[in-house]
């Protein structure tokens, strides 16, 4: 059964530019900057996220660097919630918690201020893309370390063929646009 809170976002696909062989040969990059610059498209994207999460008593929206910073604050505003940035290392000025995670070729890390989440606060985490799920796994780990309660994981785009969603069976995962290749 289709969730009644979902807004049909399929028309927004026409606003997403695909760039072949970026950032390396064989990769098809889904560029959301063309959707974001369209005032109607951007509004519809935020409206779709908000319609899904309104009424869920969310305290904080966490946005993952860098594209989660674009729609995370707009969504936080619509939900009457705070916004917290999750950043690459050495970008936040106060004391931080850090998690390192594996990439295809190496490792990376994410940080969040130690005072960003109080134990028991309900958060949703948003990012532009769910591919393999590694970045989101690291962010989920940060939230759990700080005692936050995850109310959902939201993505503008999901690459279904990479099966990143399978890493989060215990969470409510929302992806507005789906691609099979």
N, C-alpha and C. Protein backbone atom coordinates (compact mmCIF):
# COMPACT_ATOMS: atom_id res chain seq x y z
N UNK A 1 0.84 -1.19 0.00
CA UNK A 1 0.00 0.00 0.00
C UNK A 1 0.88 1.25 0.00
N UNK A 2 0.56 2.19 -0.84
CA UNK A 2 1.31 3.44 -0.96
C UNK A 2 1.07 4.31 0.27
N UNK A 3 2.14 4.86 0.82
CA UNK A 3 2.04 5.76 1.96
C UNK A 3 1.32 7.03 1.51
N UNK A 4 0.26 7.42 2.20
CA UNK A 4 -0.54 8.57 1.81
C UNK A 4 0.20 9.90 1.97
N UNK A 5 1.31 9.89 2.71
CA UNK A 5 2.07 11.13 2.88
C UNK A 5 2.97 11.41 1.70
N UNK A 6 3.16 10.44 0.80
CA UNK A 6 4.08 10.63 -0.31
C UNK A 6 3.48 11.50 -1.40
N UNK A 7 4.26 12.43 -1.86
CA UNK A 7 3.89 13.26 -3.00
C UNK A 7 4.61 12.69 -4.21
N UNK A 8 3.93 12.58 -5.33
CA UNK A 8 4.56 12.05 -6.54
C UNK A 8 5.63 13.02 -7.04
N UNK A 9 6.88 12.60 -6.97
CA UNK A 9 7.99 13.45 -7.38
C UNK A 9 8.55 13.08 -8.74
N UNK A 10 7.96 12.09 -9.41
CA UNK A 10 8.47 11.65 -10.71
C UNK A 10 8.67 12.80 -11.70
N UNK A 11 7.77 13.80 -11.76
CA UNK A 11 8.00 14.90 -12.70
C UNK A 11 9.31 15.67 -12.44
N UNK A 12 9.81 15.60 -11.22
CA UNK A 12 11.06 16.29 -10.90
C UNK A 12 12.27 15.67 -11.60
N UNK A 13 12.15 14.43 -12.04
CA UNK A 13 13.26 13.79 -12.75
C UNK A 13 13.65 14.57 -14.00
N UNK A 14 12.68 15.24 -14.61
CA UNK A 14 12.97 16.02 -15.81
C UNK A 14 13.91 17.19 -15.50
N UNK A 15 14.03 17.55 -14.22
CA UNK A 15 14.89 18.66 -13.82
C UNK A 15 16.27 18.19 -13.35
N UNK A 16 16.51 16.89 -13.29
CA UNK A 16 17.79 16.35 -12.86
C UNK A 16 18.64 16.08 -14.10
N UNK A 17 19.82 16.68 -14.13
CA UNK A 17 20.73 16.50 -15.26
C UNK A 17 21.59 15.27 -15.02
N UNK A 18 21.75 14.43 -16.03
CA UNK A 18 22.67 13.30 -15.92
C UNK A 18 23.95 13.65 -16.66
N UNK A 19 25.08 13.37 -16.01
CA UNK A 19 26.39 13.68 -16.57
C UNK A 19 27.18 12.37 -16.67
N UNK A 20 27.40 11.88 -17.89
CA UNK A 20 28.16 10.63 -18.02
C UNK A 20 29.64 10.82 -17.68
N UNK A 21 30.23 9.76 -17.16
CA UNK A 21 31.68 9.70 -16.90
C UNK A 21 32.16 10.75 -15.89
N UNK A 22 31.31 11.06 -14.90
CA UNK A 22 31.71 11.97 -13.83
C UNK A 22 31.39 11.30 -12.50
N UNK A 23 32.27 11.28 -11.54
CA UNK A 23 33.61 11.89 -11.50
C UNK A 23 34.71 11.04 -12.15
N UNK A 24 34.32 9.86 -12.66
CA UNK A 24 35.32 9.04 -13.37
C UNK A 24 34.60 8.25 -14.45
N UNK A 25 35.33 7.72 -15.41
CA UNK A 25 34.70 6.97 -16.50
C UNK A 25 33.82 5.83 -15.99
N UNK A 26 32.67 5.68 -16.63
CA UNK A 26 31.74 4.62 -16.28
C UNK A 26 30.69 5.00 -15.26
N UNK A 27 30.82 6.17 -14.64
CA UNK A 27 29.86 6.64 -13.64
C UNK A 27 28.88 7.60 -14.31
N UNK A 28 27.58 7.39 -14.07
CA UNK A 28 26.56 8.33 -14.51
C UNK A 28 26.16 9.16 -13.30
N UNK A 29 26.48 10.44 -13.32
CA UNK A 29 26.26 11.34 -12.19
C UNK A 29 24.89 12.01 -12.32
N UNK A 30 24.11 11.95 -11.25
CA UNK A 30 22.80 12.60 -11.21
C UNK A 30 22.96 13.95 -10.53
N UNK A 31 22.94 15.01 -11.33
CA UNK A 31 23.22 16.37 -10.89
C UNK A 31 21.92 17.07 -10.49
N UNK A 32 21.77 17.34 -9.19
CA UNK A 32 20.54 17.98 -8.71
C UNK A 32 20.60 19.50 -8.78
N UNK A 33 21.73 20.08 -9.16
CA UNK A 33 21.81 21.54 -9.21
C UNK A 33 20.80 22.12 -10.18
N UNK A 34 20.47 21.38 -11.23
CA UNK A 34 19.48 21.85 -12.20
C UNK A 34 18.08 21.82 -11.61
N UNK A 35 17.81 20.90 -10.70
CA UNK A 35 16.53 20.87 -9.99
C UNK A 35 16.48 22.00 -8.96
N UNK A 36 17.58 22.20 -8.25
CA UNK A 36 17.62 23.20 -7.18
C UNK A 36 17.45 24.62 -7.71
N UNK A 37 17.94 24.89 -8.92
CA UNK A 37 17.82 26.26 -9.45
C UNK A 37 16.44 26.56 -9.99
N UNK A 38 15.62 25.53 -10.15
CA UNK A 38 14.25 25.71 -10.62
C UNK A 38 13.37 26.01 -9.40
N UNK A 39 12.82 27.22 -9.32
CA UNK A 39 12.11 27.62 -8.11
C UNK A 39 10.91 26.72 -7.82
N UNK A 40 10.21 26.27 -8.82
CA UNK A 40 9.08 25.38 -8.60
C UNK A 40 9.55 23.99 -8.21
N UNK A 41 10.57 23.50 -8.90
CA UNK A 41 11.11 22.17 -8.59
C UNK A 41 11.68 22.09 -7.19
N UNK A 42 12.44 23.10 -6.80
CA UNK A 42 13.02 23.12 -5.45
C UNK A 42 11.91 23.15 -4.40
N UNK A 43 10.91 23.98 -4.63
CA UNK A 43 9.78 24.07 -3.69
C UNK A 43 9.06 22.73 -3.59
N UNK A 44 8.85 22.06 -4.71
CA UNK A 44 8.17 20.77 -4.70
C UNK A 44 9.00 19.72 -3.95
N UNK A 45 10.30 19.77 -4.09
CA UNK A 45 11.18 18.84 -3.37
C UNK A 45 11.04 19.04 -1.86
N UNK A 46 11.11 20.28 -1.42
CA UNK A 46 10.97 20.57 0.02
C UNK A 46 9.57 20.23 0.50
N UNK A 47 8.55 20.56 -0.29
CA UNK A 47 7.17 20.22 0.08
C UNK A 47 6.99 18.71 0.24
N UNK A 48 7.62 17.93 -0.63
CA UNK A 48 7.49 16.47 -0.55
C UNK A 48 8.15 15.94 0.71
N UNK A 49 9.35 16.43 1.02
CA UNK A 49 10.00 16.03 2.27
C UNK A 49 9.12 16.42 3.46
N UNK A 50 8.66 17.67 3.47
CA UNK A 50 7.89 18.18 4.61
C UNK A 50 6.58 17.40 4.79
N UNK A 51 5.89 17.13 3.70
CA UNK A 51 4.62 16.40 3.79
C UNK A 51 4.82 15.04 4.45
N UNK A 52 5.94 14.42 4.19
CA UNK A 52 6.21 13.11 4.76
C UNK A 52 6.52 13.18 6.26
N UNK A 53 7.25 14.21 6.67
CA UNK A 53 7.73 14.27 8.05
C UNK A 53 6.89 15.13 9.00
N UNK A 54 6.01 15.98 8.48
CA UNK A 54 5.19 16.82 9.35
C UNK A 54 4.36 15.93 10.28
N UNK A 55 4.31 16.32 11.54
CA UNK A 55 3.53 15.58 12.52
C UNK A 55 4.30 14.46 13.21
N UNK A 56 5.58 14.37 12.94
CA UNK A 56 6.38 13.29 13.54
C UNK A 56 7.22 13.75 14.73
N UNK A 57 7.00 14.96 15.20
CA UNK A 57 7.72 15.48 16.37
C UNK A 57 9.23 15.34 16.21
N UNK A 58 9.75 15.97 15.18
CA UNK A 58 11.18 15.98 14.90
C UNK A 58 11.80 17.19 15.58
N UNK A 59 12.87 16.95 16.35
CA UNK A 59 13.57 18.04 17.02
C UNK A 59 14.64 18.67 16.13
N UNK A 60 15.34 17.83 15.38
CA UNK A 60 16.48 18.30 14.59
C UNK A 60 16.49 17.64 13.21
N UNK A 61 16.91 18.41 12.23
CA UNK A 61 17.22 17.87 10.91
C UNK A 61 18.74 17.96 10.76
N UNK A 62 19.37 16.82 10.48
CA UNK A 62 20.81 16.79 10.24
C UNK A 62 21.04 16.73 8.75
N UNK A 63 21.89 17.61 8.24
CA UNK A 63 22.25 17.62 6.83
C UNK A 63 23.70 17.23 6.67
N UNK A 64 23.95 16.29 5.78
CA UNK A 64 25.31 15.81 5.54
C UNK A 64 25.98 16.68 4.48
N UNK A 65 27.22 17.09 4.77
CA UNK A 65 28.00 17.91 3.84
C UNK A 65 28.11 17.22 2.50
N UNK A 66 27.94 17.90 1.45
CA UNK A 66 27.61 19.30 1.33
C UNK A 66 26.17 19.50 0.88
N UNK A 67 25.64 18.58 0.10
CA UNK A 67 24.31 18.82 -0.47
C UNK A 67 23.19 18.72 0.54
N UNK A 68 23.41 18.01 1.64
CA UNK A 68 22.41 17.99 2.70
C UNK A 68 22.24 19.35 3.34
N UNK A 69 23.22 20.24 3.15
CA UNK A 69 23.12 21.61 3.66
C UNK A 69 22.14 22.44 2.84
N UNK A 70 21.85 22.01 1.63
CA UNK A 70 20.99 22.79 0.75
C UNK A 70 19.53 22.66 1.16
N UNK A 71 19.05 21.42 1.28
CA UNK A 71 17.63 21.27 1.61
C UNK A 71 17.37 20.97 3.07
N UNK A 72 18.39 20.61 3.84
CA UNK A 72 18.22 20.38 5.27
C UNK A 72 17.66 21.58 6.03
N UNK A 73 18.25 22.77 5.86
CA UNK A 73 17.72 23.93 6.58
C UNK A 73 16.30 24.31 6.15
N UNK A 74 16.00 24.19 4.86
CA UNK A 74 14.65 24.51 4.40
C UNK A 74 13.64 23.53 5.01
N UNK A 75 14.01 22.26 5.08
CA UNK A 75 13.13 21.27 5.69
C UNK A 75 12.99 21.52 7.19
N UNK A 76 14.09 21.84 7.85
CA UNK A 76 14.04 22.13 9.29
C UNK A 76 13.07 23.29 9.56
N UNK A 77 13.15 24.31 8.74
CA UNK A 77 12.24 25.45 8.88
C UNK A 77 10.79 25.01 8.77
N UNK A 78 10.49 24.19 7.77
CA UNK A 78 9.11 23.72 7.56
C UNK A 78 8.62 22.83 8.69
N UNK A 79 9.55 22.12 9.35
CA UNK A 79 9.17 21.21 10.43
C UNK A 79 9.24 21.87 11.81
N UNK A 80 9.61 23.17 11.83
CA UNK A 80 9.80 23.87 13.09
C UNK A 80 10.82 23.12 13.96
N UNK A 81 11.92 22.73 13.32
CA UNK A 81 12.99 21.97 13.98
C UNK A 81 14.30 22.74 13.82
N UNK A 82 15.29 22.35 14.59
CA UNK A 82 16.62 22.91 14.42
C UNK A 82 17.36 22.20 13.29
N UNK A 83 18.44 22.82 12.83
CA UNK A 83 19.28 22.22 11.80
C UNK A 83 20.68 22.01 12.35
N UNK A 84 21.27 20.86 12.07
CA UNK A 84 22.62 20.53 12.50
C UNK A 84 23.43 20.06 11.29
N UNK A 85 24.57 20.71 11.02
CA UNK A 85 25.43 20.24 9.93
C UNK A 85 26.32 19.08 10.38
N UNK A 86 26.44 18.08 9.52
CA UNK A 86 27.40 16.99 9.70
C UNK A 86 28.49 17.25 8.66
N UNK A 87 29.74 17.46 9.16
CA UNK A 87 30.79 18.01 8.29
C UNK A 87 31.96 17.07 8.12
N UNK A 88 32.75 17.37 7.10
CA UNK A 88 34.05 16.73 6.92
C UNK A 88 34.95 17.20 8.06
N UNK A 89 36.05 16.49 8.31
CA UNK A 89 36.92 16.83 9.46
C UNK A 89 37.47 18.26 9.42
N UNK A 90 37.63 18.80 10.62
CA UNK A 90 38.29 20.09 10.86
C UNK A 90 37.54 21.28 10.26
N UNK A 91 36.23 21.18 10.14
CA UNK A 91 35.42 22.30 9.64
C UNK A 91 34.57 22.94 10.73
N UNK A 92 34.38 22.23 11.83
CA UNK A 92 33.55 22.74 12.93
C UNK A 92 34.45 23.33 14.01
N UNK A 93 34.07 24.47 14.60
CA UNK A 93 34.95 25.19 15.50
C UNK A 93 35.03 24.66 16.94
N UNK A 94 34.01 23.98 17.41
CA UNK A 94 34.01 23.51 18.80
C UNK A 94 34.36 22.02 18.84
N UNK A 95 34.32 21.43 20.04
CA UNK A 95 34.66 20.02 20.20
C UNK A 95 33.66 19.15 19.42
N UNK A 96 34.20 18.10 18.80
CA UNK A 96 33.37 17.26 17.93
C UNK A 96 33.50 15.78 18.27
N UNK A 97 32.51 15.05 17.81
CA UNK A 97 32.58 13.58 17.74
C UNK A 97 32.90 13.27 16.29
N UNK A 98 33.69 12.21 16.07
CA UNK A 98 34.12 11.85 14.72
C UNK A 98 33.92 10.36 14.49
N UNK A 99 33.49 10.03 13.27
CA UNK A 99 33.40 8.64 12.84
C UNK A 99 34.11 8.53 11.50
N UNK A 100 34.95 7.51 11.37
CA UNK A 100 35.61 7.22 10.10
C UNK A 100 34.89 6.05 9.44
N UNK A 101 34.90 6.03 8.14
CA UNK A 101 34.22 4.97 7.39
C UNK A 101 34.96 4.69 6.10
N UNK A 102 34.71 3.51 5.56
CA UNK A 102 35.41 3.08 4.35
C UNK A 102 34.72 3.59 3.10
N UNK A 103 35.55 3.98 2.15
CA UNK A 103 35.11 4.34 0.81
C UNK A 103 35.62 3.27 -0.15
N UNK A 104 35.23 3.41 -1.41
CA UNK A 104 35.70 2.45 -2.41
C UNK A 104 37.23 2.40 -2.46
N UNK A 105 37.86 3.56 -2.35
CA UNK A 105 39.32 3.65 -2.39
C UNK A 105 39.85 4.45 -1.21
N UNK A 106 39.77 3.91 -0.02
CA UNK A 106 40.30 4.60 1.15
C UNK A 106 39.26 4.78 2.24
N UNK A 107 39.47 5.82 3.05
CA UNK A 107 38.55 6.11 4.14
C UNK A 107 38.23 7.60 4.15
N UNK A 108 37.19 7.94 4.87
CA UNK A 108 36.80 9.33 5.08
C UNK A 108 36.26 9.43 6.49
N UNK A 109 35.98 10.64 6.93
CA UNK A 109 35.44 10.86 8.27
C UNK A 109 34.38 11.94 8.23
N UNK A 110 33.49 11.90 9.22
CA UNK A 110 32.48 12.92 9.42
C UNK A 110 32.51 13.35 10.87
N UNK A 111 32.15 14.60 11.11
CA UNK A 111 32.14 15.15 12.48
C UNK A 111 30.84 15.90 12.74
N UNK A 112 30.53 15.97 14.04
CA UNK A 112 29.38 16.73 14.51
C UNK A 112 29.78 17.34 15.86
N UNK A 113 29.29 18.52 16.15
CA UNK A 113 29.58 19.12 17.45
C UNK A 113 29.06 18.22 18.58
N UNK A 114 29.83 18.12 19.64
CA UNK A 114 29.45 17.28 20.78
C UNK A 114 28.15 17.73 21.43
N UNK A 115 27.83 19.02 21.33
CA UNK A 115 26.60 19.53 21.95
C UNK A 115 25.44 19.66 20.95
N UNK A 116 25.58 19.06 19.77
CA UNK A 116 24.57 19.23 18.73
C UNK A 116 23.28 18.47 19.00
N UNK A 117 23.39 17.31 19.63
CA UNK A 117 22.22 16.47 19.88
C UNK A 117 22.18 16.11 21.36
N UNK A 118 21.05 16.37 21.98
CA UNK A 118 20.85 15.95 23.37
C UNK A 118 20.27 14.53 23.37
N UNK A 119 20.65 13.72 24.35
CA UNK A 119 20.09 12.37 24.41
C UNK A 119 18.55 12.40 24.37
N UNK A 120 18.00 11.54 23.53
CA UNK A 120 16.55 11.44 23.40
C UNK A 120 15.94 12.33 22.34
N UNK A 121 16.70 13.29 21.80
CA UNK A 121 16.13 14.13 20.75
C UNK A 121 15.88 13.31 19.49
N UNK A 122 14.73 13.59 18.86
CA UNK A 122 14.37 12.90 17.62
C UNK A 122 14.93 13.67 16.43
N UNK A 123 15.65 12.95 15.57
CA UNK A 123 16.29 13.58 14.42
C UNK A 123 15.93 12.84 13.14
N UNK A 124 15.95 13.57 12.06
CA UNK A 124 15.99 12.96 10.74
C UNK A 124 17.29 13.41 10.09
N UNK A 125 17.83 12.54 9.28
CA UNK A 125 19.08 12.83 8.58
C UNK A 125 18.77 12.90 7.10
N UNK A 126 19.20 13.98 6.43
CA UNK A 126 18.92 14.14 5.01
C UNK A 126 20.21 14.30 4.22
N UNK A 127 20.16 13.77 3.01
CA UNK A 127 21.28 13.90 2.07
C UNK A 127 20.70 13.86 0.66
N UNK A 128 21.53 14.20 -0.30
CA UNK A 128 21.04 14.25 -1.67
C UNK A 128 20.87 12.88 -2.28
N UNK A 129 21.74 11.91 -1.92
CA UNK A 129 21.79 10.67 -2.67
C UNK A 129 22.05 9.48 -1.77
N UNK A 130 21.27 8.42 -1.98
CA UNK A 130 21.55 7.13 -1.36
C UNK A 130 22.11 6.22 -2.44
N UNK A 131 23.39 5.92 -2.32
CA UNK A 131 24.04 5.00 -3.25
C UNK A 131 24.34 3.72 -2.47
N UNK A 132 25.56 3.57 -1.98
CA UNK A 132 25.90 2.37 -1.21
C UNK A 132 25.57 2.51 0.27
N UNK A 133 25.36 3.73 0.74
CA UNK A 133 24.93 3.96 2.12
C UNK A 133 26.02 4.18 3.13
N UNK A 134 27.28 4.21 2.72
CA UNK A 134 28.38 4.36 3.67
C UNK A 134 28.39 5.67 4.44
N UNK A 135 28.13 6.76 3.76
CA UNK A 135 28.10 8.07 4.42
C UNK A 135 26.96 8.13 5.43
N UNK A 136 25.81 7.62 5.05
CA UNK A 136 24.67 7.62 5.97
C UNK A 136 24.94 6.70 7.16
N UNK A 137 25.57 5.56 6.93
CA UNK A 137 25.90 4.66 8.05
C UNK A 137 26.76 5.38 9.08
N UNK A 138 27.75 6.13 8.61
CA UNK A 138 28.62 6.87 9.52
C UNK A 138 27.83 7.92 10.30
N UNK A 139 26.91 8.61 9.63
CA UNK A 139 26.11 9.63 10.30
C UNK A 139 25.17 9.00 11.33
N UNK A 140 24.57 7.88 10.98
CA UNK A 140 23.72 7.15 11.93
C UNK A 140 24.54 6.78 13.16
N UNK A 141 25.76 6.34 12.96
CA UNK A 141 26.63 5.98 14.09
C UNK A 141 26.89 7.18 15.00
N UNK A 142 27.13 8.34 14.40
CA UNK A 142 27.33 9.56 15.19
C UNK A 142 26.10 9.88 16.04
N UNK A 143 24.93 9.82 15.42
CA UNK A 143 23.69 10.14 16.13
C UNK A 143 23.48 9.17 17.29
N UNK A 144 23.71 7.91 17.05
CA UNK A 144 23.51 6.91 18.10
C UNK A 144 24.51 7.09 19.24
N UNK A 145 25.75 7.45 18.91
CA UNK A 145 26.77 7.70 19.94
C UNK A 145 26.34 8.84 20.85
N UNK A 146 25.64 9.80 20.30
CA UNK A 146 25.24 10.98 21.06
C UNK A 146 23.89 10.79 21.75
N UNK A 147 23.26 9.65 21.57
CA UNK A 147 21.99 9.38 22.25
C UNK A 147 20.77 9.87 21.52
N UNK A 148 20.92 10.29 20.26
CA UNK A 148 19.78 10.74 19.48
C UNK A 148 18.92 9.58 19.03
N UNK A 149 17.65 9.88 18.78
CA UNK A 149 16.70 8.89 18.29
C UNK A 149 16.44 9.21 16.82
N UNK A 150 16.68 8.27 15.95
CA UNK A 150 16.54 8.52 14.52
C UNK A 150 15.10 8.29 14.09
N UNK A 151 14.47 9.38 13.63
CA UNK A 151 13.09 9.32 13.18
C UNK A 151 12.95 9.08 11.70
N UNK A 152 14.07 9.07 10.97
CA UNK A 152 14.01 8.81 9.54
C UNK A 152 15.28 9.22 8.84
N UNK A 153 15.46 8.62 7.66
CA UNK A 153 16.58 8.94 6.77
C UNK A 153 15.96 9.38 5.45
N UNK A 154 16.28 10.60 5.01
CA UNK A 154 15.66 11.13 3.81
C UNK A 154 16.67 11.45 2.73
N UNK A 155 16.32 11.10 1.50
CA UNK A 155 17.20 11.32 0.35
C UNK A 155 16.39 11.91 -0.79
N UNK A 156 17.00 12.81 -1.54
CA UNK A 156 16.36 13.31 -2.75
C UNK A 156 16.34 12.21 -3.80
N UNK A 157 17.46 11.48 -3.95
CA UNK A 157 17.61 10.46 -4.98
C UNK A 157 18.12 9.17 -4.36
N UNK A 158 17.60 8.05 -4.84
CA UNK A 158 18.14 6.74 -4.48
C UNK A 158 18.49 5.97 -5.75
N UNK A 159 19.70 5.44 -5.77
CA UNK A 159 20.13 4.56 -6.86
C UNK A 159 19.80 3.14 -6.41
N UNK A 160 18.61 2.68 -6.78
CA UNK A 160 18.09 1.41 -6.28
C UNK A 160 19.01 0.22 -6.56
N UNK A 161 19.68 0.24 -7.69
CA UNK A 161 20.52 -0.89 -8.09
C UNK A 161 21.74 -1.09 -7.19
N UNK A 162 22.10 -0.10 -6.40
CA UNK A 162 23.24 -0.24 -5.48
C UNK A 162 22.82 -0.79 -4.12
N UNK A 163 21.51 -0.87 -3.88
CA UNK A 163 20.94 -1.52 -2.70
C UNK A 163 21.41 -0.94 -1.35
N UNK A 164 21.68 0.36 -1.33
CA UNK A 164 22.08 1.02 -0.08
C UNK A 164 21.02 0.95 0.99
N UNK A 165 19.76 0.94 0.60
CA UNK A 165 18.64 0.88 1.54
C UNK A 165 18.72 -0.36 2.44
N UNK A 166 19.28 -1.42 1.92
CA UNK A 166 19.36 -2.67 2.68
C UNK A 166 20.22 -2.55 3.94
N UNK A 167 21.05 -1.52 4.02
CA UNK A 167 21.87 -1.29 5.21
C UNK A 167 21.08 -0.69 6.36
N UNK A 168 19.82 -0.31 6.12
CA UNK A 168 19.04 0.41 7.12
C UNK A 168 17.67 -0.23 7.36
N UNK A 169 17.61 -1.53 7.62
CA UNK A 169 16.29 -2.18 7.77
C UNK A 169 15.51 -1.69 8.98
N UNK A 170 16.21 -1.15 9.98
CA UNK A 170 15.51 -0.72 11.20
C UNK A 170 15.02 0.72 11.13
N UNK A 171 15.28 1.42 10.01
CA UNK A 171 14.91 2.83 9.91
C UNK A 171 13.91 3.07 8.79
N UNK A 172 13.16 4.15 8.94
CA UNK A 172 12.24 4.62 7.92
C UNK A 172 13.06 5.39 6.89
N UNK A 173 13.20 4.84 5.70
CA UNK A 173 13.99 5.46 4.64
C UNK A 173 13.04 6.04 3.59
N UNK A 174 13.19 7.34 3.34
CA UNK A 174 12.40 8.03 2.32
C UNK A 174 13.34 8.47 1.20
N UNK A 175 13.04 8.07 -0.01
CA UNK A 175 13.74 8.58 -1.20
C UNK A 175 12.68 9.11 -2.14
N UNK A 176 12.86 10.34 -2.58
CA UNK A 176 11.83 10.99 -3.40
C UNK A 176 11.92 10.58 -4.88
N UNK A 177 13.13 10.35 -5.36
CA UNK A 177 13.32 9.95 -6.75
C UNK A 177 14.13 8.66 -6.79
N UNK A 178 13.72 7.73 -7.62
CA UNK A 178 14.40 6.44 -7.73
C UNK A 178 14.93 6.23 -9.14
N UNK A 179 16.14 5.71 -9.21
CA UNK A 179 16.77 5.36 -10.48
C UNK A 179 17.23 3.92 -10.43
N UNK A 180 16.99 3.20 -11.52
CA UNK A 180 17.34 1.78 -11.57
C UNK A 180 18.63 1.50 -12.32
N UNK A 181 19.27 2.54 -12.85
CA UNK A 181 20.54 2.33 -13.56
C UNK A 181 21.42 3.55 -13.46
